[in-house]
Structure formats: C-alpha cells, structure tokens
PDB file of N, CA and C in Angstrom:
ATOM      1  N   UNK A   1       9.242 -16.987 -13.652  1.00  0.00           N
ATOM      2  CA  UNK A   1       8.393 -15.817 -13.429  1.00  0.00           C
ATOM      3  C   UNK A   1       6.992 -16.304 -13.083  1.00  0.00           C
ATOM      4  N   UNK A   2       6.475 -15.950 -11.932  1.00  0.00           N
ATOM      5  CA  UNK A   2       5.183 -16.434 -11.471  1.00  0.00           C
ATOM      6  C   UNK A   2       4.104 -15.362 -11.509  1.00  0.00           C
ATOM      7  N   UNK A   3       4.446 -14.157 -11.899  1.00  0.00           N
ATOM      8  CA  UNK A   3       3.455 -13.081 -11.965  1.00  0.00           C
ATOM      9  C   UNK A   3       3.857 -12.088 -13.033  1.00  0.00           C
ATOM     10  N   UNK A   4       2.907 -11.270 -13.437  1.00  0.00           N
ATOM     11  CA  UNK A   4       3.171 -10.193 -14.401  1.00  0.00           C
ATOM     12  C   UNK A   4       2.518  -8.929 -13.871  1.00  0.00           C
ATOM     13  N   UNK A   5       3.158  -7.815 -14.135  1.00  0.00           N
ATOM     14  CA  UNK A   5       2.669  -6.516 -13.699  1.00  0.00           C
ATOM     15  C   UNK A   5       2.428  -5.672 -14.932  1.00  0.00           C
ATOM     16  N   UNK A   6       1.240  -5.111 -15.039  1.00  0.00           N
ATOM     17  CA  UNK A   6       0.884  -4.266 -16.166  1.00  0.00           C
ATOM     18  C   UNK A   6       0.651  -2.851 -15.643  1.00  0.00           C
ATOM     19  N   UNK A   7       1.507  -1.933 -16.049  1.00  0.00           N
ATOM     20  CA  UNK A   7       1.381  -0.544 -15.620  1.00  0.00           C
ATOM     21  C   UNK A   7       0.835   0.275 -16.779  1.00  0.00           C
ATOM     22  N   UNK A   8       0.788   1.586 -16.594  1.00  0.00           N
ATOM     23  CA  UNK A   8       0.299   2.441 -17.659  1.00  0.00           C
ATOM     24  C   UNK A   8      -1.214   2.454 -17.755  1.00  0.00           C
ATOM     25  N   UNK A   9      -1.880   2.155 -16.650  1.00  0.00           N
ATOM     26  CA  UNK A   9      -3.344   2.109 -16.655  1.00  0.00           C
ATOM     27  C   UNK A   9      -3.951   3.305 -15.919  1.00  0.00           C
ATOM     28  N   UNK A  10      -3.116   4.294 -15.614  1.00  0.00           N
ATOM     29  CA  UNK A  10      -3.590   5.449 -14.854  1.00  0.00           C
ATOM     30  C   UNK A  10      -4.764   6.136 -15.557  1.00  0.00           C
ATOM     31  N   UNK A  11      -4.610   6.440 -16.830  1.00  0.00           N
ATOM     32  CA  UNK A  11      -5.670   7.140 -17.572  1.00  0.00           C
ATOM     33  C   UNK A  11      -6.940   6.300 -17.667  1.00  0.00           C
ATOM     34  N   UNK A  12      -6.792   4.989 -17.794  1.00  0.00           N
ATOM     35  CA  UNK A  12      -7.960   4.116 -17.925  1.00  0.00           C
ATOM     36  C   UNK A  12      -8.751   4.003 -16.623  1.00  0.00           C
ATOM     37  N   UNK A  13      -8.145   4.426 -15.519  1.00  0.00           N
ATOM     38  CA  UNK A  13      -8.808   4.296 -14.216  1.00  0.00           C
ATOM     39  C   UNK A  13      -9.181   5.653 -13.603  1.00  0.00           C
ATOM     40  N   UNK A  14      -9.103   6.722 -14.374  1.00  0.00           N
ATOM     41  CA  UNK A  14      -9.387   8.064 -13.852  1.00  0.00           C
ATOM     42  C   UNK A  14     -10.784   8.150 -13.239  1.00  0.00           C
ATOM     43  N   UNK A  15     -11.803   7.632 -13.926  1.00  0.00           N
ATOM     44  CA  UNK A  15     -13.163   7.702 -13.387  1.00  0.00           C
ATOM     45  C   UNK A  15     -13.262   6.972 -12.050  1.00  0.00           C
ATOM     46  N   UNK A  16     -12.654   5.799 -11.967  1.00  0.00           N
ATOM     47  CA  UNK A  16     -12.680   5.040 -10.724  1.00  0.00           C
ATOM     48  C   UNK A  16     -11.920   5.777  -9.620  1.00  0.00           C
ATOM     49  N   UNK A  17     -10.810   6.424  -9.957  1.00  0.00           N
ATOM     50  CA  UNK A  17     -10.072   7.197  -8.958  1.00  0.00           C
ATOM     51  C   UNK A  17     -10.943   8.311  -8.380  1.00  0.00           C
ATOM     52  N   UNK A  18     -11.751   8.952  -9.223  1.00  0.00           N
ATOM     53  CA  UNK A  18     -12.676   9.988  -8.743  1.00  0.00           C
ATOM     54  C   UNK A  18     -13.749   9.381  -7.845  1.00  0.00           C
ATOM     55  N   UNK A  19     -14.275   8.229  -8.232  1.00  0.00           N
ATOM     56  CA  UNK A  19     -15.282   7.567  -7.410  1.00  0.00           C
ATOM     57  C   UNK A  19     -14.726   7.184  -6.047  1.00  0.00           C
ATOM     58  N   UNK A  20     -13.447   6.818  -6.006  1.00  0.00           N
ATOM     59  CA  UNK A  20     -12.802   6.433  -4.744  1.00  0.00           C
ATOM     60  C   UNK A  20     -12.300   7.643  -3.953  1.00  0.00           C
ATOM     61  N   UNK A  21     -12.283   8.817  -4.593  1.00  0.00           N
ATOM     62  CA  UNK A  21     -11.798  10.047  -3.959  1.00  0.00           C
ATOM     63  C   UNK A  21     -10.280  10.035  -3.762  1.00  0.00           C
ATOM     64  N   UNK A  22      -9.563   9.330  -4.635  1.00  0.00           N
ATOM     65  CA  UNK A  22      -8.108   9.257  -4.523  1.00  0.00           C
ATOM     66  C   UNK A  22      -7.399   9.960  -5.684  1.00  0.00           C
ATOM     67  N   UNK A  23      -8.156  10.648  -6.531  1.00  0.00           N
ATOM     68  CA  UNK A  23      -7.542  11.365  -7.640  1.00  0.00           C
ATOM     69  C   UNK A  23      -6.586  12.421  -7.081  1.00  0.00           C
ATOM     70  N   UNK A  24      -5.480  12.625  -7.757  1.00  0.00           N
ATOM     71  CA  UNK A  24      -4.505  13.626  -7.343  1.00  0.00           C
ATOM     72  C   UNK A  24      -3.532  13.150  -6.281  1.00  0.00           C
ATOM     73  N   UNK A  25      -3.743  11.971  -5.738  1.00  0.00           N
ATOM     74  CA  UNK A  25      -2.801  11.432  -4.752  1.00  0.00           C
ATOM     75  C   UNK A  25      -1.629  10.771  -5.487  1.00  0.00           C
ATOM     76  N   UNK A  26      -0.547  10.527  -4.773  1.00  0.00           N
ATOM     77  CA  UNK A  26       0.591   9.796  -5.332  1.00  0.00           C
ATOM     78  C   UNK A  26       0.159   8.332  -5.450  1.00  0.00           C
ATOM     79  N   UNK A  27      -0.459   8.027  -6.568  1.00  0.00           N
ATOM     80  CA  UNK A  27      -1.186   6.797  -6.766  1.00  0.00           C
ATOM     81  C   UNK A  27      -0.672   6.109  -8.036  1.00  0.00           C
ATOM     82  N   UNK A  28      -0.427   4.821  -7.934  1.00  0.00           N
ATOM     83  CA  UNK A  28       0.132   4.075  -9.058  1.00  0.00           C
ATOM     84  C   UNK A  28      -0.724   2.844  -9.339  1.00  0.00           C
ATOM     85  N   UNK A  29      -1.767   2.985 -10.170  1.00  0.00           N
ATOM     86  CA  UNK A  29      -2.606   1.833 -10.483  1.00  0.00           C
ATOM     87  C   UNK A  29      -1.889   0.870 -11.421  1.00  0.00           C
ATOM     88  N   UNK A  30      -2.189  -0.403 -11.228  1.00  0.00           N
ATOM     89  CA  UNK A  30      -1.598  -1.439 -12.077  1.00  0.00           C
ATOM     90  C   UNK A  30      -2.455  -2.685 -12.025  1.00  0.00           C
ATOM     91  N   UNK A  31      -2.345  -3.484 -13.054  1.00  0.00           N
ATOM     92  CA  UNK A  31      -2.962  -4.802 -13.053  1.00  0.00           C
ATOM     93  C   UNK A  31      -1.881  -5.785 -12.634  1.00  0.00           C
ATOM     94  N   UNK A  32      -2.241  -6.687 -11.741  1.00  0.00           N
ATOM     95  CA  UNK A  32      -1.316  -7.726 -11.310  1.00  0.00           C
ATOM     96  C   UNK A  32      -1.921  -9.079 -11.651  1.00  0.00           C
ATOM     97  N   UNK A  33      -1.204  -9.827 -12.460  1.00  0.00           N
ATOM     98  CA  UNK A  33      -1.628 -11.163 -12.861  1.00  0.00           C
ATOM     99  C   UNK A  33      -0.712 -12.165 -12.182  1.00  0.00           C
ATOM    100  N   UNK A  34      -1.324 -13.179 -11.570  1.00  0.00           N
ATOM    101  CA  UNK A  34      -0.534 -14.231 -10.935  1.00  0.00           C
ATOM    102  C   UNK A  34      -0.941 -15.569 -11.544  1.00  0.00           C
ATOM    103  N   UNK A  35       0.046 -16.327 -11.986  1.00  0.00           N
ATOM    104  CA  UNK A  35      -0.203 -17.617 -12.597  1.00  0.00           C
ATOM    105  C   UNK A  35      -0.792 -18.597 -11.584  1.00  0.00           C
ATOM    106  N   UNK A  36      -1.567 -19.590 -12.057  1.00  0.00           N
ATOM    107  CA  UNK A  36      -2.139 -20.591 -11.151  1.00  0.00           C
ATOM    108  C   UNK A  36      -1.056 -21.320 -10.354  1.00  0.00           C
ATOM    109  N   UNK A  37      -1.414 -21.722  -9.153  1.00  0.00           N
ATOM    110  CA  UNK A  37      -0.556 -22.552  -8.285  1.00  0.00           C
ATOM    111  C   UNK A  37       0.779 -21.908  -7.948  1.00  0.00           C
ATOM    112  N   UNK A  38       0.815 -20.584  -7.900  1.00  0.00           N
ATOM    113  CA  UNK A  38       2.044 -19.888  -7.510  1.00  0.00           C
ATOM    114  C   UNK A  38       1.789 -19.131  -6.211  1.00  0.00           C
ATOM    115  N   UNK A  39       2.862 -18.835  -5.507  1.00  0.00           N
ATOM    116  CA  UNK A  39       2.780 -18.200  -4.196  1.00  0.00           C
ATOM    117  C   UNK A  39       3.547 -16.893  -4.210  1.00  0.00           C
ATOM    118  N   UNK A  40       2.980 -15.886  -3.566  1.00  0.00           N
ATOM    119  CA  UNK A  40       3.684 -14.632  -3.308  1.00  0.00           C
ATOM    120  C   UNK A  40       4.078 -14.688  -1.843  1.00  0.00           C
ATOM    121  N   UNK A  41       5.361 -14.828  -1.581  1.00  0.00           N
ATOM    122  CA  UNK A  41       5.854 -15.025  -0.215  1.00  0.00           C
ATOM    123  C   UNK A  41       5.628 -13.832   0.693  1.00  0.00           C
ATOM    124  N   UNK A  42       5.877 -14.045   1.973  1.00  0.00           N
ATOM    125  CA  UNK A  42       5.730 -12.997   2.977  1.00  0.00           C
ATOM    126  C   UNK A  42       6.585 -11.790   2.626  1.00  0.00           C
ATOM    127  N   UNK A  43       5.972 -10.597   2.693  1.00  0.00           N
ATOM    128  CA  UNK A  43       6.718  -9.375   2.409  1.00  0.00           C
ATOM    129  C   UNK A  43       5.941  -8.164   2.901  1.00  0.00           C
ATOM    130  N   UNK A  44       6.611  -7.034   2.910  1.00  0.00           N
ATOM    131  CA  UNK A  44       6.009  -5.729   3.167  1.00  0.00           C
ATOM    132  C   UNK A  44       6.362  -4.862   1.973  1.00  0.00           C
ATOM    133  N   UNK A  45       5.368  -4.188   1.392  1.00  0.00           N
ATOM    134  CA  UNK A  45       5.623  -3.320   0.241  1.00  0.00           C
ATOM    135  C   UNK A  45       6.443  -2.109   0.669  1.00  0.00           C
ATOM    136  N   UNK A  46       7.285  -1.634  -0.208  1.00  0.00           N
ATOM    137  CA  UNK A  46       8.121  -0.471   0.103  1.00  0.00           C
ATOM    138  C   UNK A  46       7.298   0.809   0.156  1.00  0.00           C
ATOM    139  N   UNK A  47       7.855   1.823   0.718  1.00  0.00           N
ATOM    140  CA  UNK A  47       7.269   3.168   0.769  1.00  0.00           C
ATOM    141  C   UNK A  47       5.985   3.250   1.584  1.00  0.00           C
ATOM    142  N   UNK A  48       5.775   2.353   2.546  1.00  0.00           N
ATOM    143  CA  UNK A  48       4.596   2.397   3.420  1.00  0.00           C
ATOM    144  C   UNK A  48       3.293   2.496   2.626  1.00  0.00           C
ATOM    145  N   UNK A  49       3.196   1.736   1.557  1.00  0.00           N
ATOM    146  CA  UNK A  49       2.041   1.797   0.662  1.00  0.00           C
ATOM    147  C   UNK A  49       0.732   1.411   1.341  1.00  0.00           C
ATOM    148  N   UNK A  50      -0.319   2.089   0.913  1.00  0.00           N
ATOM    149  CA  UNK A  50      -1.682   1.643   1.164  1.00  0.00           C
ATOM    150  C   UNK A  50      -2.173   1.074  -0.159  1.00  0.00           C
ATOM    151  N   UNK A  51      -2.747  -0.090  -0.121  1.00  0.00           N
ATOM    152  CA  UNK A  51      -3.232  -0.725  -1.335  1.00  0.00           C
ATOM    153  C   UNK A  51      -4.739  -0.835  -1.346  1.00  0.00           C
ATOM    154  N   UNK A  52      -5.320  -0.473  -2.469  1.00  0.00           N
ATOM    155  CA  UNK A  52      -6.735  -0.744  -2.718  1.00  0.00           C
ATOM    156  C   UNK A  52      -6.750  -1.779  -3.831  1.00  0.00           C
ATOM    157  N   UNK A  53      -7.287  -2.955  -3.524  1.00  0.00           N
ATOM    158  CA  UNK A  53      -7.251  -4.073  -4.453  1.00  0.00           C
ATOM    159  C   UNK A  53      -8.658  -4.450  -4.890  1.00  0.00           C
ATOM    160  N   UNK A  54      -8.814  -4.634  -6.199  1.00  0.00           N
ATOM    161  CA  UNK A  54     -10.073  -5.093  -6.775  1.00  0.00           C
ATOM    162  C   UNK A  54      -9.820  -6.417  -7.473  1.00  0.00           C
ATOM    163  N   UNK A  55     -10.478  -7.447  -7.002  1.00  0.00           N
ATOM    164  CA  UNK A  55     -10.411  -8.755  -7.614  1.00  0.00           C
ATOM    165  C   UNK A  55     -11.148  -8.687  -8.956  1.00  0.00           C
ATOM    166  N   UNK A  56     -10.543  -9.157 -10.021  1.00  0.00           N
ATOM    167  CA  UNK A  56     -11.157  -9.102 -11.348  1.00  0.00           C
ATOM    168  C   UNK A  56     -11.572 -10.477 -11.859  1.00  0.00           C
ATOM    169  N   UNK A  57     -11.840 -11.378 -10.932  1.00  0.00           N
ATOM    170  CA  UNK A  57     -12.394 -12.682 -11.294  1.00  0.00           C
ATOM    171  C   UNK A  57     -13.631 -12.924 -10.432  1.00  0.00           C
ATOM    172  N   UNK A  58     -14.411 -13.912 -10.775  1.00  0.00           N
ATOM    173  CA  UNK A  58     -15.654 -14.166 -10.033  1.00  0.00           C
ATOM    174  C   UNK A  58     -15.400 -14.750  -8.657  1.00  0.00           C
ATOM    175  N   UNK A  59     -14.469 -15.676  -8.554  1.00  0.00           N
ATOM    176  CA  UNK A  59     -14.137 -16.312  -7.280  1.00  0.00           C
ATOM    177  C   UNK A  59     -13.388 -15.313  -6.390  1.00  0.00           C
ATOM    178  N   UNK A  60     -13.714 -15.276  -5.095  1.00  0.00           N
ATOM    179  CA  UNK A  60     -13.011 -14.382  -4.176  1.00  0.00           C
ATOM    180  C   UNK A  60     -11.514 -14.645  -4.194  1.00  0.00           C
ATOM    181  N   UNK A  61     -10.745 -13.582  -4.059  1.00  0.00           N
ATOM    182  CA  UNK A  61      -9.300 -13.687  -3.868  1.00  0.00           C
ATOM    183  C   UNK A  61      -9.026 -13.776  -2.377  1.00  0.00           C
ATOM    184  N   UNK A  62      -7.861 -14.249  -2.044  1.00  0.00           N
ATOM    185  CA  UNK A  62      -7.459 -14.337  -0.649  1.00  0.00           C
ATOM    186  C   UNK A  62      -6.077 -13.715  -0.500  1.00  0.00           C
ATOM    187  N   UNK A  63      -5.940 -12.882   0.513  1.00  0.00           N
ATOM    188  CA  UNK A  63      -4.639 -12.335   0.894  1.00  0.00           C
ATOM    189  C   UNK A  63      -4.445 -12.682   2.361  1.00  0.00           C
ATOM    190  N   UNK A  64      -3.245 -13.093   2.718  1.00  0.00           N
ATOM    191  CA  UNK A  64      -2.923 -13.383   4.111  1.00  0.00           C
ATOM    192  C   UNK A  64      -2.223 -12.152   4.680  1.00  0.00           C
ATOM    193  N   UNK A  65      -2.796 -11.581   5.731  1.00  0.00           N
ATOM    194  CA  UNK A  65      -2.211 -10.425   6.408  1.00  0.00           C
ATOM    195  C   UNK A  65      -1.948 -10.843   7.839  1.00  0.00           C
ATOM    196  N   UNK A  66      -0.685 -10.704   8.247  1.00  0.00           N
ATOM    197  CA  UNK A  66      -0.270 -11.148   9.585  1.00  0.00           C
ATOM    198  C   UNK A  66      -0.716 -12.597   9.821  1.00  0.00           C
ATOM    199  N   UNK A  67      -0.531 -13.424   8.784  1.00  0.00           N
ATOM    200  CA  UNK A  67      -0.830 -14.863   8.800  1.00  0.00           C
ATOM    201  C   UNK A  67      -2.310 -15.208   8.938  1.00  0.00           C
ATOM    202  N   UNK A  68      -3.198 -14.253   8.699  1.00  0.00           N
ATOM    203  CA  UNK A  68      -4.641 -14.502   8.727  1.00  0.00           C
ATOM    204  C   UNK A  68      -5.196 -14.353   7.307  1.00  0.00           C
ATOM    205  N   UNK A  69      -5.987 -15.316   6.838  1.00  0.00           N
ATOM    206  CA  UNK A  69      -6.558 -15.195   5.489  1.00  0.00           C
ATOM    207  C   UNK A  69      -7.743 -14.231   5.466  1.00  0.00           C
ATOM    208  N   UNK A  70      -7.801 -13.413   4.428  1.00  0.00           N
ATOM    209  CA  UNK A  70      -8.915 -12.505   4.184  1.00  0.00           C
ATOM    210  C   UNK A  70      -9.363 -12.697   2.738  1.00  0.00           C
ATOM    211  N   UNK A  71     -10.631 -13.073   2.578  1.00  0.00           N
ATOM    212  CA  UNK A  71     -11.205 -13.273   1.255  1.00  0.00           C
ATOM    213  C   UNK A  71     -11.929 -12.004   0.848  1.00  0.00           C
ATOM    214  N   UNK A  72     -11.786 -11.619  -0.412  1.00  0.00           N
ATOM    215  CA  UNK A  72     -12.337 -10.331  -0.826  1.00  0.00           C
ATOM    216  C   UNK A  72     -12.675 -10.282  -2.301  1.00  0.00           C
ATOM    217  N   UNK A  73     -13.548  -9.337  -2.624  1.00  0.00           N
ATOM    218  CA  UNK A  73     -13.749  -8.851  -3.977  1.00  0.00           C
ATOM    219  C   UNK A  73     -13.063  -7.491  -4.106  1.00  0.00           C
ATOM    220  N   UNK A  74     -13.084  -6.719  -3.018  1.00  0.00           N
ATOM    221  CA  UNK A  74     -12.299  -5.480  -2.952  1.00  0.00           C
ATOM    222  C   UNK A  74     -11.870  -5.293  -1.500  1.00  0.00           C
ATOM    223  N   UNK A  75     -10.693  -4.704  -1.321  1.00  0.00           N
ATOM    224  CA  UNK A  75     -10.149  -4.543   0.021  1.00  0.00           C
ATOM    225  C   UNK A  75      -9.174  -3.368   0.039  1.00  0.00           C
ATOM    226  N   UNK A  76      -9.093  -2.714   1.191  1.00  0.00           N
ATOM    227  CA  UNK A  76      -8.069  -1.696   1.440  1.00  0.00           C
ATOM    228  C   UNK A  76      -7.157  -2.274   2.496  1.00  0.00           C
ATOM    229  N   UNK A  77      -5.873  -2.267   2.249  1.00  0.00           N
ATOM    230  CA  UNK A  77      -4.943  -2.848   3.207  1.00  0.00           C
ATOM    231  C   UNK A  77      -3.659  -2.037   3.275  1.00  0.00           C
ATOM    232  N   UNK A  78      -3.052  -2.054   4.431  1.00  0.00           N
ATOM    233  CA  UNK A  78      -1.813  -1.312   4.659  1.00  0.00           C
ATOM    234  C   UNK A  78      -0.637  -2.238   4.328  1.00  0.00           C
ATOM    235  N   UNK A  79      -0.454  -2.486   3.039  1.00  0.00           N
ATOM    236  CA  UNK A  79       0.564  -3.427   2.565  1.00  0.00           C
ATOM    237  C   UNK A  79       1.983  -2.937   2.812  1.00  0.00           C
ATOM    238  N   UNK A  80       2.135  -1.657   3.140  1.00  0.00           N
ATOM    239  CA  UNK A  80       3.450  -1.107   3.446  1.00  0.00           C
ATOM    240  C   UNK A  80       3.797  -1.171   4.918  1.00  0.00           C
ATOM    241  N   UNK A  81       2.900  -1.726   5.712  1.00  0.00           N
ATOM    242  CA  UNK A  81       3.162  -1.857   7.151  1.00  0.00           C
ATOM    243  C   UNK A  81       3.052  -3.297   7.624  1.00  0.00           C
ATOM    244  N   UNK A  82       2.080  -4.036   7.077  1.00  0.00           N
ATOM    245  CA  UNK A  82       1.798  -5.381   7.563  1.00  0.00           C
ATOM    246  C   UNK A  82       2.367  -6.446   6.631  1.00  0.00           C
ATOM    247  N   UNK A  83       2.976  -7.445   7.225  1.00  0.00           N
ATOM    248  CA  UNK A  83       3.485  -8.591   6.475  1.00  0.00           C
ATOM    249  C   UNK A  83       2.292  -9.302   5.843  1.00  0.00           C
ATOM    250  N   UNK A  84       2.404  -9.573   4.549  1.00  0.00           N
ATOM    251  CA  UNK A  84       1.321 -10.228   3.836  1.00  0.00           C
ATOM    252  C   UNK A  84       1.870 -11.174   2.777  1.00  0.00           C
ATOM    253  N   UNK A  85       0.985 -12.055   2.295  1.00  0.00           N
ATOM    254  CA  UNK A  85       1.361 -13.028   1.273  1.00  0.00           C
ATOM    255  C   UNK A  85       0.114 -13.467   0.523  1.00  0.00           C
ATOM    256  N   UNK A  86       0.330 -14.170  -0.577  1.00  0.00           N
ATOM    257  CA  UNK A  86      -0.754 -14.776  -1.347  1.00  0.00           C
ATOM    258  C   UNK A  86      -0.393 -16.246  -1.521  1.00  0.00           C
ATOM    259  N   UNK A  87      -1.265 -17.099  -1.011  1.00  0.00           N
ATOM    260  CA  UNK A  87      -1.031 -18.530  -1.094  1.00  0.00           C
ATOM    261  C   UNK A  87      -1.435 -19.054  -2.473  1.00  0.00           C
ATOM    262  N   UNK A  88      -0.918 -20.201  -2.869  1.00  0.00           N
ATOM    263  CA  UNK A  88      -1.258 -20.764  -4.181  1.00  0.00           C
ATOM    264  C   UNK A  88      -2.756 -21.007  -4.334  1.00  0.00           C
ATOM    265  N   UNK A  89      -3.232 -20.794  -5.527  1.00  0.00           N
ATOM    266  CA  UNK A  89      -4.627 -21.020  -5.888  1.00  0.00           C
ATOM    267  C   UNK A  89      -4.596 -21.767  -7.214  1.00  0.00           C
ATOM    268  N   UNK A  90      -5.456 -22.752  -7.394  1.00  0.00           N
ATOM    269  CA  UNK A  90      -5.440 -23.482  -8.663  1.00  0.00           C
ATOM    270  C   UNK A  90      -5.848 -22.625  -9.863  1.00  0.00           C
ATOM    271  N   UNK A  91      -6.455 -21.474  -9.602  1.00  0.00           N
ATOM    272  CA  UNK A  91      -6.863 -20.585 -10.688  1.00  0.00           C
ATOM    273  C   UNK A  91      -5.930 -19.381 -10.762  1.00  0.00           C
ATOM    274  N   UNK A  92      -5.851 -18.804 -11.953  1.00  0.00           N
ATOM    275  CA  UNK A  92      -5.082 -17.581 -12.104  1.00  0.00           C
ATOM    276  C   UNK A  92      -5.730 -16.469 -11.286  1.00  0.00           C
ATOM    277  N   UNK A  93      -4.962 -15.431 -11.030  1.00  0.00           N
ATOM    278  CA  UNK A  93      -5.438 -14.315 -10.215  1.00  0.00           C
ATOM    279  C   UNK A  93      -5.170 -13.025 -10.991  1.00  0.00           C
ATOM    280  N   UNK A  94      -6.170 -12.160 -11.065  1.00  0.00           N
ATOM    281  CA  UNK A  94      -6.010 -10.865 -11.700  1.00  0.00           C
ATOM    282  C   UNK A  94      -6.621  -9.810 -10.790  1.00  0.00           C
ATOM    283  N   UNK A  95      -5.802  -8.839 -10.420  1.00  0.00           N
ATOM    284  CA  UNK A  95      -6.192  -7.804  -9.465  1.00  0.00           C
ATOM    285  C   UNK A  95      -5.847  -6.443 -10.045  1.00  0.00           C
ATOM    286  N   UNK A  96      -6.756  -5.489  -9.877  1.00  0.00           N
ATOM    287  CA  UNK A  96      -6.441  -4.085 -10.136  1.00  0.00           C
ATOM    288  C   UNK A  96      -6.028  -3.511  -8.796  1.00  0.00           C
ATOM    289  N   UNK A  97      -4.808  -3.024  -8.702  1.00  0.00           N
ATOM    290  CA  UNK A  97      -4.278  -2.506  -7.442  1.00  0.00           C
ATOM    291  C   UNK A  97      -3.920  -1.034  -7.592  1.00  0.00           C
ATOM    292  N   UNK A  98      -4.440  -0.242  -6.666  1.00  0.00           N
ATOM    293  CA  UNK A  98      -4.018   1.148  -6.541  1.00  0.00           C
ATOM    294  C   UNK A  98      -2.993   1.188  -5.426  1.00  0.00           C
ATOM    295  N   UNK A  99      -1.744   1.485  -5.758  1.00  0.00           N
ATOM    296  CA  UNK A  99      -0.671   1.609  -4.778  1.00  0.00           C
ATOM    297  C   UNK A  99      -0.513   3.088  -4.457  1.00  0.00           C
ATOM    298  N   UNK A 100      -0.878   3.452  -3.246  1.00  0.00           N
ATOM    299  CA  UNK A 100      -0.957   4.864  -2.878  1.00  0.00           C
ATOM    300  C   UNK A 100       0.121   5.184  -1.848  1.00  0.00           C
ATOM    301  N   UNK A 101       0.955   6.156  -2.166  1.00  0.00           N
ATOM    302  CA  UNK A 101       2.048   6.564  -1.277  1.00  0.00           C
ATOM    303  C   UNK A 101       1.628   7.783  -0.448  1.00  0.00           C
ATOM    304  N   UNK A 102       0.613   7.561   0.374  1.00  0.00           N
ATOM    305  CA  UNK A 102       0.128   8.548   1.333  1.00  0.00           C
ATOM    306  C   UNK A 102      -0.123   7.793   2.632  1.00  0.00           C
ATOM    307  N   UNK A 103      -0.113   8.481   3.753  1.00  0.00           N
ATOM    308  CA  UNK A 103      -0.380   7.790   5.021  1.00  0.00           C
ATOM    309  C   UNK A 103      -1.721   7.058   5.007  1.00  0.00           C
ATOM    310  N   UNK A 104      -1.728   5.908   5.644  1.00  0.00           N
ATOM    311  CA  UNK A 104      -2.922   5.066   5.764  1.00  0.00           C
ATOM    312  C   UNK A 104      -4.132   5.882   6.191  1.00  0.00           C
ATOM    313  N   UNK A 105      -3.952   6.703   7.222  1.00  0.00           N
ATOM    314  CA  UNK A 105      -5.059   7.482   7.779  1.00  0.00           C
ATOM    315  C   UNK A 105      -5.653   8.440   6.746  1.00  0.00           C
ATOM    316  N   UNK A 106      -4.804   9.025   5.934  1.00  0.00           N
ATOM    317  CA  UNK A 106      -5.267   9.954   4.906  1.00  0.00           C
ATOM    318  C   UNK A 106      -6.099   9.238   3.835  1.00  0.00           C
ATOM    319  N   UNK A 107      -5.636   8.069   3.428  1.00  0.00           N
ATOM    320  CA  UNK A 107      -6.371   7.294   2.426  1.00  0.00           C
ATOM    321  C   UNK A 107      -7.726   6.866   3.000  1.00  0.00           C
ATOM    322  N   UNK A 108      -7.731   6.384   4.227  1.00  0.00           N
ATOM    323  CA  UNK A 108      -8.980   5.945   4.855  1.00  0.00           C
ATOM    324  C   UNK A 108      -9.960   7.112   5.005  1.00  0.00           C
ATOM    325  N   UNK A 109      -9.447   8.284   5.336  1.00  0.00           N
ATOM    326  CA  UNK A 109     -10.308   9.465   5.462  1.00  0.00           C
ATOM    327  C   UNK A 109     -10.959   9.804   4.124  1.00  0.00           C
ATOM    328  N   UNK A 110     -10.163   9.741   3.047  1.00  0.00           N
ATOM    329  CA  UNK A 110     -10.706  10.035   1.713  1.00  0.00           C
ATOM    330  C   UNK A 110     -11.782   9.030   1.315  1.00  0.00           C
ATOM    331  N   UNK A 111     -11.554   7.759   1.587  1.00  0.00           N
ATOM    332  CA  UNK A 111     -12.536   6.733   1.264  1.00  0.00           C
ATOM    333  C   UNK A 111     -13.790   6.882   2.126  1.00  0.00           C
ATOM    334  N   UNK A 112     -13.581   7.222   3.391  1.00  0.00           N
ATOM    335  CA  UNK A 112     -14.712   7.383   4.304  1.00  0.00           C
ATOM    336  C   UNK A 112     -15.599   8.563   3.899  1.00  0.00           C
ATOM    337  N   UNK A 113     -15.014   9.603   3.341  1.00  0.00           N
ATOM    338  CA  UNK A 113     -15.803  10.752   2.876  1.00  0.00           C
ATOM    339  C   UNK A 113     -16.794  10.342   1.788  1.00  0.00           C
ATOM    340  N   UNK A 114     -16.498   9.271   1.083  1.00  0.00           N
ATOM    341  CA  UNK A 114     -17.395   8.747   0.046  1.00  0.00           C
ATOM    342  C   UNK A 114     -18.233   7.573   0.566  1.00  0.00           C
ATOM    343  N   UNK A 115     -18.170   7.347   1.894  1.00  0.00           N
ATOM    344  CA  UNK A 115     -18.910   6.240   2.525  1.00  0.00           C
ATOM    345  C   UNK A 115     -18.546   4.879   1.923  1.00  0.00           C
ATOM    346  N   UNK A 116     -17.264   4.668   1.679  1.00  0.00           N
ATOM    347  CA  UNK A 116     -16.804   3.437   1.041  1.00  0.00           C
ATOM    348  C   UNK A 116     -16.201   2.426   2.025  1.00  0.00           C
ATOM    349  N   UNK A 117     -16.104   2.801   3.291  1.00  0.00           N
ATOM    350  CA  UNK A 117     -15.477   1.917   4.271  1.00  0.00           C
ATOM    351  C   UNK A 117     -16.553   1.077   4.960  1.00  0.00           C
ATOM    352  N   UNK A 118     -16.366  -0.250   4.911  1.00  0.00           N
ATOM    353  CA  UNK A 118     -17.238  -1.184   5.627  1.00  0.00           C
ATOM    354  C   UNK A 118     -16.326  -2.116   6.419  1.00  0.00           C
ATOM    355  N   UNK A 119     -16.644  -2.302   7.662  1.00  0.00           N
ATOM    356  CA  UNK A 119     -15.828  -3.171   8.517  1.00  0.00           C
ATOM    357  C   UNK A 119     -16.527  -4.478   8.760  1.00  0.00           C
TER     358      UNK A 119
END
C-alpha cells in the first residue's frame, strides 16, 4: 500500500467549500496521503471528476498532466479527462482534494465568480 485515503472530512471543510463557491455540489473532499518514494501511475479518475487540490506541506507538490509536470500549492485540474500521474518524491505528500462530479466548465464558472482563477 503506497497511499492512504481519509474521507469523512466534508463537515470539516464546509467553510472552505463556501469560500470556493462549491458548496452544494456533488463534492467529495478527502485527504490523500502518499508515502515517500512512491508513484501514482498514469490514470484518469472515474466519473469525469474535476479536482481541486491543496498541497498541505511547505514544499510544492507536482502532478504530471499529459506528461507535463505542474508544481503547485493549489490547483484545479480535470482529472476525469486528462491522463495524470504523481512521480516519486523523497518526502511524503499530503493533499486535501475536492473531487467534484460536475462538468469542468461549471466548476470553473463557480470559482471564477469568486475571482479564484489565475492562469
């Protein structure tokens, strides 16, 4: 087992969901812990998910989308459409992920209404 998933954090993230303007959506927040030096292979998340990821460590996290590395503290990505992976890192990884089962465009519109989108 190279990762752990912690669910049941919906109530603990209600304020943040309001700040992101995603409250009331089909949204499944969870903490994802990945052990050091482990890899999450290429995959596409089921149900055409849109993911909002918050890195919970000081060092930037990296996600590879369509074989391109993206370093982030927070990111919105269409993990249900684009092939992505996480390469090994010598440090553990802890991410708060909102897995949202709504169309990408709808999620982006909600975030944009709060002026949260930066390109």
